[in-house]
Amino acid sequence: MKNDFDIRFTKSSKPGGQNVNKVETCVVITHKITGLTEKCEDTRSKERNKNLAMNRLLKKIKEHEDEILQEKTNEKRKKLIQNRKTIRTYNYNRNEVYDHRTKTKANLKKVMNGEIDLL
């Protein structure tokens, strides 16, 4: 897991005077697998910045994985919907059910009461 990250310490680019110019407190962490990067220069502590950047990067990685999983799920659903044929259409305004396989119409109330043999 630690080999998946590239951690670099640099000098901060924000205003802060002499400490910012001479101490490398800015942390840049790159996840090698996804290519996601997080930079943190919020505090004057290397360790705290490293922890903050790592937490933010792990959150980004989790969101990235969730997006990929969601896309795969959506693709599966689209394929299922495209391959599915409509079996019945329930038209409440006309009080009828149309069965596309047998091409028959039936009274909606009777079908809903269990008289499925009408189709």
C-alpha atoms as a PDB file:
ATOM      1  CA  MET A   1       0.000   0.000   0.000  1.00  0.00           C
ATOM      2  CA  LYS A   2       2.796   2.443   0.834  1.00  0.00           C
ATOM      3  CA  ASN A   3       4.433   1.703  -2.517  1.00  0.00           C
ATOM      4  CA  ASP A   4       1.323   3.023  -4.274  1.00  0.00           C
ATOM      5  CA  PHE A   5       2.071   6.594  -3.157  1.00  0.00           C
ATOM      6  CA  ASP A   6       4.778   9.048  -4.162  1.00  0.00           C
ATOM      7  CA  ILE A   7       5.362  11.540  -1.321  1.00  0.00           C
ATOM      8  CA  ARG A   8       7.368  14.708  -1.922  1.00  0.00           C
ATOM      9  CA  PHE A   9       8.130  17.586   0.420  1.00  0.00           C
ATOM     10  CA  THR A  10       8.603  21.047  -1.061  1.00  0.00           C
ATOM     11  CA  LYS A  11       8.764  24.616   0.094  1.00  0.00           C
ATOM     12  CA  SER A  12       5.411  26.267   0.440  1.00  0.00           C
ATOM     13  CA  SER A  13       4.232  28.806  -2.110  1.00  0.00           C
ATOM     14  CA  LYS A  14       1.936  30.678   0.244  1.00  0.00           C
ATOM     15  CA  PRO A  15       2.860  33.806   2.164  1.00  0.00           C
ATOM     16  CA  GLY A  16       4.523  33.183   5.492  1.00  0.00           C
ATOM     17  CA  GLY A  17       7.892  34.820   5.683  1.00  0.00           C
ATOM     18  CA  GLN A  18      11.185  33.236   6.535  1.00  0.00           C
ATOM     19  CA  ASN A  19       9.824  29.887   7.765  1.00  0.00           C
ATOM     20  CA  VAL A  20       8.034  29.255   4.469  1.00  0.00           C
ATOM     21  CA  ASN A  21      11.126  30.132   2.457  1.00  0.00           C
ATOM     22  CA  LYS A  22      13.563  27.841   4.272  1.00  0.00           C
ATOM     23  CA  VAL A  23      11.563  24.839   5.555  1.00  0.00           C
ATOM     24  CA  GLU A  24       9.962  22.223   3.297  1.00  0.00           C
ATOM     25  CA  THR A  25       6.552  21.837   4.939  1.00  0.00           C
ATOM     26  CA  CYS A  26       4.422  21.528   1.810  1.00  0.00           C
ATOM     27  CA  VAL A  27       3.485  17.931   0.989  1.00  0.00           C
ATOM     28  CA  VAL A  28       2.551  16.616  -2.462  1.00  0.00           C
ATOM     29  CA  ILE A  29       1.253  13.046  -2.536  1.00  0.00           C
ATOM     30  CA  THR A  30       0.545  11.247  -5.811  1.00  0.00           C
ATOM     31  CA  HIS A  31      -1.296   7.943  -6.100  1.00  0.00           C
ATOM     32  CA  LYS A  32       0.678   6.037  -8.736  1.00  0.00           C
ATOM     33  CA  ILE A  33      -2.183   3.770  -9.810  1.00  0.00           C
ATOM     34  CA  THR A  34      -4.867   6.412 -10.460  1.00  0.00           C
ATOM     35  CA  GLY A  35      -2.625   9.432 -10.990  1.00  0.00           C
ATOM     36  CA  LEU A  36      -4.593  11.479  -8.445  1.00  0.00           C
ATOM     37  CA  THR A  37      -2.594  14.129  -6.604  1.00  0.00           C
ATOM     38  CA  GLU A  38      -3.157  16.060  -3.398  1.00  0.00           C
ATOM     39  CA  LYS A  39      -1.114  19.010  -2.137  1.00  0.00           C
ATOM     40  CA  CYS A  40      -1.244  20.335   1.426  1.00  0.00           C
ATOM     41  CA  GLU A  41       0.470  23.395   2.858  1.00  0.00           C
ATOM     42  CA  ASP A  42      -2.108  24.270   5.520  1.00  0.00           C
ATOM     43  CA  THR A  43       0.086  24.060   8.618  1.00  0.00           C
ATOM     44  CA  ARG A  44       3.736  24.591   9.550  1.00  0.00           C
ATOM     45  CA  SER A  45       4.172  20.917  10.438  1.00  0.00           C
ATOM     46  CA  LYS A  46       5.406  18.381   7.867  1.00  0.00           C
ATOM     47  CA  GLU A  47       3.732  15.479   9.626  1.00  0.00           C
ATOM     48  CA  ARG A  48       0.381  17.216  10.017  1.00  0.00           C
ATOM     49  CA  ASN A  49       0.401  18.309   6.364  1.00  0.00           C
ATOM     50  CA  LYS A  50       1.292  14.758   5.330  1.00  0.00           C
ATOM     51  CA  ASN A  51      -1.623  13.340   7.339  1.00  0.00           C
ATOM     52  CA  LEU A  52      -4.055  15.932   5.973  1.00  0.00           C
ATOM     53  CA  ALA A  53      -2.941  15.346   2.390  1.00  0.00           C
ATOM     54  CA  MET A  54      -3.129  11.562   2.794  1.00  0.00           C
ATOM     55  CA  ASN A  55      -6.665  11.743   4.222  1.00  0.00           C
ATOM     56  CA  ARG A  56      -7.804  14.008   1.388  1.00  0.00           C
ATOM     57  CA  LEU A  57      -6.164  11.777  -1.224  1.00  0.00           C
ATOM     58  CA  LEU A  58      -7.722   8.618   0.216  1.00  0.00           C
ATOM     59  CA  LYS A  59     -11.103  10.341   0.060  1.00  0.00           C
ATOM     60  CA  LYS A  60     -10.494  11.266  -3.595  1.00  0.00           C
ATOM     61  CA  ILE A  61      -9.465   7.692  -4.400  1.00  0.00           C
ATOM     62  CA  LYS A  62     -12.614   6.335  -2.739  1.00  0.00           C
ATOM     63  CA  GLU A  63     -14.797   8.774  -4.731  1.00  0.00           C
ATOM     64  CA  HIS A  64     -12.966   7.797  -7.927  1.00  0.00           C
ATOM     65  CA  GLU A  65     -13.578   4.086  -7.260  1.00  0.00           C
ATOM     66  CA  ASP A  66     -17.254   4.790  -6.470  1.00  0.00           C
ATOM     67  CA  GLU A  67     -17.648   6.653  -9.786  1.00  0.00           C
ATOM     68  CA  ILE A  68     -16.129   3.739 -11.705  1.00  0.00           C
ATOM     69  CA  LEU A  69     -18.397   1.270  -9.911  1.00  0.00           C
ATOM     70  CA  GLN A  70     -21.442   3.458 -10.608  1.00  0.00           C
ATOM     71  CA  GLU A  71     -20.549   3.665 -14.314  1.00  0.00           C
ATOM     72  CA  LYS A  72     -20.236  -0.129 -14.522  1.00  0.00           C
ATOM     73  CA  THR A  73     -23.586  -0.555 -12.776  1.00  0.00           C
ATOM     74  CA  ASN A  74     -25.239   1.941 -15.119  1.00  0.00           C
ATOM     75  CA  GLU A  75     -23.829   0.123 -18.145  1.00  0.00           C
ATOM     76  CA  LYS A  76     -25.212  -3.195 -16.876  1.00  0.00           C
ATOM     77  CA  ARG A  77     -28.630  -1.621 -16.295  1.00  0.00           C
ATOM     78  CA  LYS A  78     -28.675  -0.092 -19.764  1.00  0.00           C
ATOM     79  CA  LYS A  79     -27.871  -3.465 -21.315  1.00  0.00           C
ATOM     80  CA  LEU A  80     -30.633  -5.129 -19.317  1.00  0.00           C
ATOM     81  CA  ILE A  81     -33.153  -2.481 -20.320  1.00  0.00           C
ATOM     82  CA  GLN A  82     -32.162  -2.639 -23.991  1.00  0.00           C
ATOM     83  CA  ASN A  83     -32.526  -6.421 -24.082  1.00  0.00           C
ATOM     84  CA  ARG A  84     -35.798  -6.464 -22.168  1.00  0.00           C
ATOM     85  CA  LYS A  85     -39.061  -6.665 -24.042  1.00  0.00           C
ATOM     86  CA  THR A  86     -42.234  -5.177 -22.617  1.00  0.00           C
ATOM     87  CA  ILE A  87     -44.588  -7.863 -21.346  1.00  0.00           C
ATOM     88  CA  ARG A  88     -47.582  -5.854 -20.146  1.00  0.00           C
ATOM     89  CA  THR A  89     -48.752  -2.259 -20.226  1.00  0.00           C
ATOM     90  CA  TYR A  90     -51.053  -1.043 -17.469  1.00  0.00           C
ATOM     91  CA  ASN A  91     -53.220   1.868 -18.601  1.00  0.00           C
ATOM     92  CA  TYR A  92     -55.015   3.283 -15.571  1.00  0.00           C
ATOM     93  CA  ASN A  93     -56.813   6.003 -17.511  1.00  0.00           C
ATOM     94  CA  ARG A  94     -58.574   3.464 -19.737  1.00  0.00           C
ATOM     95  CA  ASN A  95     -58.840   0.834 -16.996  1.00  0.00           C
ATOM     96  CA  GLU A  96     -57.178  -1.834 -19.138  1.00  0.00           C
ATOM     97  CA  VAL A  97     -54.125  -4.082 -19.280  1.00  0.00           C
ATOM     98  CA  TYR A  98     -52.479  -4.970 -22.585  1.00  0.00           C
ATOM     99  CA  ASP A  99     -50.364  -8.130 -22.805  1.00  0.00           C
ATOM    100  CA  HIS A 100     -47.774  -7.688 -25.559  1.00  0.00           C
ATOM    101  CA  ARG A 101     -46.972 -11.412 -25.824  1.00  0.00           C
ATOM    102  CA  THR A 102     -50.532 -12.570 -26.500  1.00  0.00           C
ATOM    103  CA  LYS A 103     -51.747  -9.212 -27.859  1.00  0.00           C
ATOM    104  CA  THR A 104     -54.830  -9.250 -25.642  1.00  0.00           C
ATOM    105  CA  LYS A 105     -56.564  -6.598 -23.553  1.00  0.00           C
ATOM    106  CA  ALA A 106     -58.205  -7.153 -20.188  1.00  0.00           C
ATOM    107  CA  ASN A 107     -60.014  -5.162 -17.514  1.00  0.00           C
ATOM    108  CA  LEU A 108     -57.442  -3.658 -15.123  1.00  0.00           C
ATOM    109  CA  LYS A 109     -59.567  -4.043 -11.959  1.00  0.00           C
ATOM    110  CA  LYS A 110     -60.225  -7.732 -12.655  1.00  0.00           C
ATOM    111  CA  VAL A 111     -56.537  -8.411 -13.303  1.00  0.00           C
ATOM    112  CA  MET A 112     -55.535  -6.571 -10.124  1.00  0.00           C
ATOM    113  CA  ASN A 113     -58.077  -8.694  -8.173  1.00  0.00           C
ATOM    114  CA  GLY A 114     -56.285 -11.841  -9.306  1.00  0.00           C
ATOM    115  CA  GLU A 115     -58.136 -12.839 -12.459  1.00  0.00           C
ATOM    116  CA  ILE A 116     -54.888 -13.186 -14.409  1.00  0.00           C
ATOM    117  CA  ASP A 117     -56.419 -15.898 -16.626  1.00  0.00           C
ATOM    118  CA  LEU A 118     -58.036 -13.144 -18.690  1.00  0.00           C
ATOM    119  CA  LEU A 119     -54.651 -12.525 -20.309  1.00  0.00           C
END
